[in-house]
């Protein structure tokens, strides 16, 4: 196993030196910038997330800048990314960090809204230089394919071998190299094995993904997004206006509005107008 890991690291380093994707945040150790790009890139291709990042970091260079702004302004900038709850969790996080600072939360950032094990590891690796593997879907997929590791065994495999993987290999470079390789070569569908630097020693343990991605068009999630777009662009919006825009029944419209209200994204005024909840 140690020999295989050595080959893996050697070829990965060589490939990354010539194929590293260039982004403005790649060399930063600013935890706010790292948290921002990690939040924006969830379930979003990195190139697309990066375009949003440039807009966000320009408007919100520090957590305090975002904390002092309204939900409505943040949602406007977020528009088009989907999963609007992520924007709201980021807003809540900015308020916490603006008061406490990241260093006072180190090393456990999972107390922040929306920060799970992966984002916590990314912050530790990229902002604090800790020797940790930030296991996203790309990294997990590559390691499973190369070393022939079943899904149920990957956690234990990493616990046993993390130190070996990161010996004489900066965790920042290791994590980013695998993310780039997974996004461009060892993809989930139609992997480009013929140009992969790891191909000669890879077990090619490629398993079928049984999960079927639900269609976005016409989905409940899309309807939620449509409602928010309406509220961001119009005033004096009523339930009837929204129902007409959605081309939906009264029952479905109410379900969408109820879900947004439960998530504190909208509120209904005394005059029965529906607005973005800025509290």
Protein backbone atom coordinates (compact mmCIF):
# COMPACT_ATOMS: atom_id res chain seq x y z
CA UNK A 1 0.00 0.00 0.00
CA UNK A 2 2.81 2.43 0.90
CA UNK A 3 4.41 1.88 -2.52
CA UNK A 4 1.10 2.59 -4.25
CA UNK A 5 0.64 5.78 -2.23
CA UNK A 6 4.16 6.92 -3.17
CA UNK A 7 3.43 6.39 -6.88
CA UNK A 8 0.09 8.14 -6.47
CA UNK A 9 1.69 11.20 -4.83
CA UNK A 10 4.59 11.38 -7.29
CA UNK A 11 2.38 11.34 -10.39
CA UNK A 12 -0.17 13.68 -8.83
CA UNK A 13 2.50 16.28 -7.97
CA UNK A 14 3.94 16.13 -11.47
CA UNK A 15 0.53 16.53 -13.10
CA UNK A 16 -0.55 19.38 -10.81
CA UNK A 17 2.61 21.38 -11.53
CA UNK A 18 1.57 21.60 -15.19
CA UNK A 19 -2.24 21.56 -14.94
CA UNK A 20 -3.10 23.65 -11.90
CA UNK A 21 -6.21 25.79 -12.41
CA UNK A 22 -5.64 29.44 -11.66
CA UNK A 23 -8.04 31.31 -9.38
CA UNK A 24 -7.49 34.48 -7.35
CA UNK A 25 -8.21 32.71 -4.04
CA UNK A 26 -5.96 29.71 -4.68
CA UNK A 27 -3.00 31.04 -2.67
CA UNK A 28 -4.86 32.91 0.04
CA UNK A 29 -4.90 31.92 3.69
CA UNK A 30 -7.76 34.33 4.44
CA UNK A 31 -10.48 32.18 6.05
CA UNK A 32 -13.27 34.50 4.91
CA UNK A 33 -12.26 34.16 1.26
CA UNK A 34 -11.96 30.41 1.65
CA UNK A 35 -15.34 30.08 3.36
CA UNK A 36 -16.91 32.23 0.66
CA UNK A 37 -15.63 30.17 -2.29
CA UNK A 38 -16.38 26.88 -0.54
CA UNK A 39 -19.98 27.98 0.09
CA UNK A 40 -20.47 29.27 -3.44
CA UNK A 41 -19.03 26.14 -5.05
CA UNK A 42 -21.29 23.67 -3.26
CA UNK A 43 -23.20 21.77 -5.97
CA UNK A 44 -21.83 24.28 -8.49
CA UNK A 45 -18.99 23.97 -11.00
CA UNK A 46 -15.93 25.81 -9.77
CA UNK A 47 -15.54 28.05 -12.82
CA UNK A 48 -19.13 29.26 -12.40
CA UNK A 49 -18.75 29.65 -8.64
CA UNK A 50 -15.60 31.68 -9.21
CA UNK A 51 -17.52 34.26 -11.25
CA UNK A 52 -19.87 34.76 -8.31
CA UNK A 53 -16.93 34.82 -5.91
CA UNK A 54 -15.35 37.78 -7.70
CA UNK A 55 -18.59 39.74 -7.31
CA UNK A 56 -19.09 38.73 -3.68
CA UNK A 57 -15.56 39.44 -2.51
CA UNK A 58 -15.66 42.83 -4.22
CA UNK A 59 -18.86 43.77 -2.39
CA UNK A 60 -18.09 41.92 0.86
CA UNK A 61 -14.30 41.95 1.40
CA UNK A 62 -14.81 41.12 5.09
CA UNK A 63 -17.49 39.33 7.12
CA UNK A 64 -18.48 42.68 8.64
CA UNK A 65 -19.38 44.09 5.21
CA UNK A 66 -21.80 41.21 4.63
CA UNK A 67 -23.12 41.23 8.20
CA UNK A 68 -24.12 44.88 7.80
CA UNK A 69 -25.99 44.29 4.55
CA UNK A 70 -29.56 43.08 4.04
CA UNK A 71 -30.81 39.65 3.04
CA UNK A 72 -32.36 41.21 -0.02
CA UNK A 73 -29.04 42.55 -1.32
CA UNK A 74 -27.29 39.26 -0.68
CA UNK A 75 -30.03 37.30 -2.46
CA UNK A 76 -29.80 39.67 -5.42
CA UNK A 77 -26.10 38.96 -5.76
CA UNK A 78 -26.74 35.24 -5.21
CA UNK A 79 -29.47 35.09 -7.86
CA UNK A 80 -28.90 32.24 -10.32
CA UNK A 81 -26.90 29.99 -7.99
CA UNK A 82 -29.87 28.18 -6.48
CA UNK A 83 -30.16 26.70 -2.99
CA UNK A 84 -30.87 30.13 -1.53
CA UNK A 85 -30.70 28.78 2.02
CA UNK A 86 -26.93 28.65 1.54
CA UNK A 87 -26.93 32.42 1.07
CA UNK A 88 -28.89 32.90 4.27
CA UNK A 89 -26.60 30.60 6.24
CA UNK A 90 -23.61 32.51 4.88
CA UNK A 91 -25.23 35.76 6.02
CA UNK A 92 -25.76 34.36 9.52
CA UNK A 93 -22.18 33.10 9.56
CA UNK A 94 -20.87 36.53 8.59
CA UNK A 95 -22.64 38.03 11.63
CA UNK A 96 -21.05 35.51 13.97
CA UNK A 97 -17.56 35.80 12.50
CA UNK A 98 -17.74 39.59 12.41
CA UNK A 99 -18.09 39.49 16.21
CA UNK A 100 -15.88 36.55 17.17
CA UNK A 101 -13.30 36.24 14.37
CA UNK A 102 -12.21 32.94 12.84
CA UNK A 103 -9.23 32.42 15.14
CA UNK A 104 -11.46 32.28 18.20
CA UNK A 105 -13.46 29.45 16.61
CA UNK A 106 -10.41 27.45 15.48
CA UNK A 107 -10.20 24.48 15.07
CA UNK A 108 -13.93 23.71 15.05
CA UNK A 109 -15.81 25.86 12.56
CA UNK A 110 -18.79 23.50 12.43
CA UNK A 111 -20.49 25.76 14.98
CA UNK A 112 -21.09 28.13 12.06
CA UNK A 113 -24.35 27.75 10.08
CA UNK A 114 -23.84 25.60 7.00
CA UNK A 115 -20.28 24.52 7.86
CA UNK A 116 -19.95 20.73 7.84
CA UNK A 117 -16.95 18.38 8.04
CA UNK A 118 -15.73 19.12 4.50
CA UNK A 119 -15.80 22.93 4.79
CA UNK A 120 -14.22 22.67 8.23
CA UNK A 121 -11.38 20.61 6.75
CA UNK A 122 -11.01 23.05 3.86
CA UNK A 123 -10.63 25.94 6.29
CA UNK A 124 -8.07 24.01 8.34
CA UNK A 125 -6.09 23.06 5.24
CA UNK A 126 -6.24 26.26 3.18
CA UNK A 127 -6.37 28.91 5.91
CA UNK A 128 -4.40 27.28 8.73
CA UNK A 129 -2.05 24.92 6.89
CA UNK A 130 -3.21 21.88 8.85
CA UNK A 131 -2.30 18.42 7.55
CA UNK A 132 -5.85 17.31 6.73
CA UNK A 133 -7.49 15.87 3.65
CA UNK A 134 -10.59 17.86 2.72
CA UNK A 135 -12.71 15.05 1.34
CA UNK A 136 -15.09 16.37 -1.31
CA UNK A 137 -16.78 14.22 -3.96
CA UNK A 138 -13.83 14.56 -6.37
CA UNK A 139 -11.22 13.45 -3.86
CA UNK A 140 -13.34 10.59 -2.59
CA UNK A 141 -14.00 9.35 -6.14
CA UNK A 142 -10.33 9.38 -7.17
CA UNK A 143 -9.11 7.58 -4.07
CA UNK A 144 -11.81 4.94 -4.37
CA UNK A 145 -11.05 4.30 -8.03
CA UNK A 146 -7.27 4.22 -7.68
CA UNK A 147 -7.02 2.13 -4.50
CA UNK A 148 -10.17 0.05 -5.07
CA UNK A 149 -11.89 1.21 -1.90
CA UNK A 150 -15.58 0.61 -1.33
CA UNK A 151 -17.73 3.49 -0.18
CA UNK A 152 -18.22 2.03 3.30
CA UNK A 153 -14.44 1.70 3.79
CA UNK A 154 -13.21 5.10 2.59
CA UNK A 155 -13.42 6.82 5.99
CA UNK A 156 -11.26 4.20 7.70
CA UNK A 157 -8.85 4.15 4.73
CA UNK A 158 -8.25 7.88 5.10
CA UNK A 159 -7.86 7.72 8.86
CA UNK A 160 -5.17 5.06 8.49
CA UNK A 161 -3.32 6.66 5.56
CA UNK A 162 -3.78 10.43 5.90
CA UNK A 163 -0.32 11.02 7.38
CA UNK A 164 1.31 8.98 4.61
CA UNK A 165 -0.55 10.89 1.89
CA UNK A 166 0.45 14.26 3.35
CA UNK A 167 4.05 13.47 4.25
CA UNK A 168 6.23 15.91 2.26
CA UNK A 169 3.08 17.12 0.48
CA UNK A 170 1.37 20.39 1.48
CA UNK A 171 -2.25 19.62 2.27
CA UNK A 172 -3.32 22.70 0.26
CA UNK A 173 -1.59 21.36 -2.84
CA UNK A 174 -2.73 17.77 -2.26
CA UNK A 175 -6.38 18.76 -1.88
CA UNK A 176 -6.42 21.22 -4.77
CA UNK A 177 -4.55 18.83 -7.07
CA UNK A 178 -7.15 16.12 -6.53
CA UNK A 179 -10.02 18.59 -6.91
CA UNK A 180 -8.59 19.70 -10.26
CA UNK A 181 -7.94 16.15 -11.41
CA UNK A 182 -11.45 15.09 -10.44
CA UNK A 183 -13.07 18.04 -12.19
CA UNK A 184 -11.14 17.74 -15.45
CA UNK A 185 -9.94 14.13 -15.85
CA UNK A 186 -11.26 11.61 -13.32
CA UNK A 187 -14.81 12.81 -13.74
CA UNK A 188 -17.88 11.07 -12.35
CA UNK A 189 -19.14 10.43 -15.88
CA UNK A 190 -16.95 9.62 -18.88
CA UNK A 191 -13.59 9.77 -17.08
CA UNK A 192 -10.63 10.54 -19.35
CA UNK A 193 -8.53 7.57 -18.29
CA UNK A 194 -6.28 7.71 -21.36
CA UNK A 195 -4.82 11.07 -20.29
CA UNK A 196 -4.88 10.47 -16.55
CA UNK A 197 -1.44 10.64 -14.87
CA UNK A 198 -2.52 7.87 -12.48
CA UNK A 199 -3.83 5.51 -15.16
CA UNK A 200 -0.93 3.01 -15.18
CA UNK A 201 -1.29 2.10 -11.51
CA UNK A 202 -5.01 2.74 -11.10
CA UNK A 203 -7.35 -0.12 -10.16
CA UNK A 204 -10.08 1.59 -12.24
CA UNK A 205 -12.62 0.71 -9.57
CA UNK A 206 -15.39 2.63 -11.29
CA UNK A 207 -18.82 2.04 -9.84
CA UNK A 208 -22.15 3.16 -11.20
CA UNK A 209 -23.84 6.04 -9.45
CA UNK A 210 -27.30 4.78 -8.51
CA UNK A 211 -28.47 8.24 -7.50
CA UNK A 212 -30.64 9.92 -10.11
CA UNK A 213 -30.34 13.69 -10.16
CA UNK A 214 -33.85 15.15 -9.96
CA UNK A 215 -34.82 17.53 -12.73
CA UNK A 216 -34.63 21.19 -11.78
CA UNK A 217 -37.06 22.42 -14.43
CA UNK A 218 -40.54 22.44 -12.94
CA UNK A 219 -39.33 21.30 -9.54
CA UNK A 220 -40.42 22.66 -6.18
CA UNK A 221 -36.93 24.14 -5.78
CA UNK A 222 -37.29 26.03 -9.07
CA UNK A 223 -40.63 27.44 -7.96
CA UNK A 224 -39.02 28.73 -4.76
CA UNK A 225 -36.36 30.43 -6.85
CA UNK A 226 -38.99 32.03 -9.11
CA UNK A 227 -40.79 33.49 -6.10
CA UNK A 228 -37.59 35.04 -4.76
CA UNK A 229 -36.78 36.53 -8.17
CA UNK A 230 -40.23 38.12 -8.27
CA UNK A 231 -39.78 39.60 -4.79
CA UNK A 232 -36.33 40.93 -5.67
CA UNK A 233 -37.61 42.77 -8.72
CA UNK A 234 -41.12 43.91 -7.78
CA UNK A 235 -42.95 45.71 -5.00
CA UNK A 236 -46.47 45.18 -3.65
CA UNK A 237 -46.45 41.50 -4.54
CA UNK A 238 -49.50 39.47 -3.53
CA UNK A 239 -50.18 35.75 -3.46
CA UNK A 240 -52.29 36.08 -6.63
CA UNK A 241 -49.40 37.76 -8.48
CA UNK A 242 -47.09 34.91 -7.51
CA UNK A 243 -49.62 32.24 -8.44
CA UNK A 244 -49.99 33.79 -11.89
CA UNK A 245 -46.21 33.95 -12.40
CA UNK A 246 -45.78 30.36 -11.25
CA UNK A 247 -48.68 29.17 -13.42
CA UNK A 248 -49.55 26.93 -10.49
CA UNK A 249 -52.59 26.01 -8.45
CA UNK A 250 -53.46 27.87 -5.27
CA UNK A 251 -52.44 24.81 -3.22
CA UNK A 252 -48.97 24.55 -4.77
CA UNK A 253 -48.45 28.30 -4.48
CA UNK A 254 -49.29 28.20 -0.78
CA UNK A 255 -46.91 25.26 -0.25
CA UNK A 256 -44.07 27.18 -1.88
CA UNK A 257 -44.79 30.30 0.15
CA UNK A 258 -45.08 28.30 3.38
CA UNK A 259 -41.69 26.65 2.79
CA UNK A 260 -40.02 30.00 2.13
CA UNK A 261 -41.66 31.51 5.20
CA UNK A 262 -40.52 28.60 7.39
CA UNK A 263 -36.96 29.21 6.15
CA UNK A 264 -37.29 32.91 7.11
CA UNK A 265 -36.69 33.94 3.51
CA UNK A 266 -40.01 35.76 3.16
CA UNK A 267 -42.69 37.30 5.35
CA UNK A 268 -46.26 38.52 4.82
CA UNK A 269 -47.00 42.11 5.81
CA UNK A 270 -50.13 43.42 7.47
CA UNK A 271 -51.30 44.55 4.04
CA UNK A 272 -50.94 40.95 2.78
CA UNK A 273 -47.94 41.80 0.63
CA UNK A 274 -45.19 39.20 0.38
CA UNK A 275 -41.67 40.55 0.87
CA UNK A 276 -38.12 39.36 1.54
CA UNK A 277 -37.65 38.88 5.28
CA UNK A 278 -34.71 41.12 6.15
CA UNK A 279 -34.72 40.32 9.87
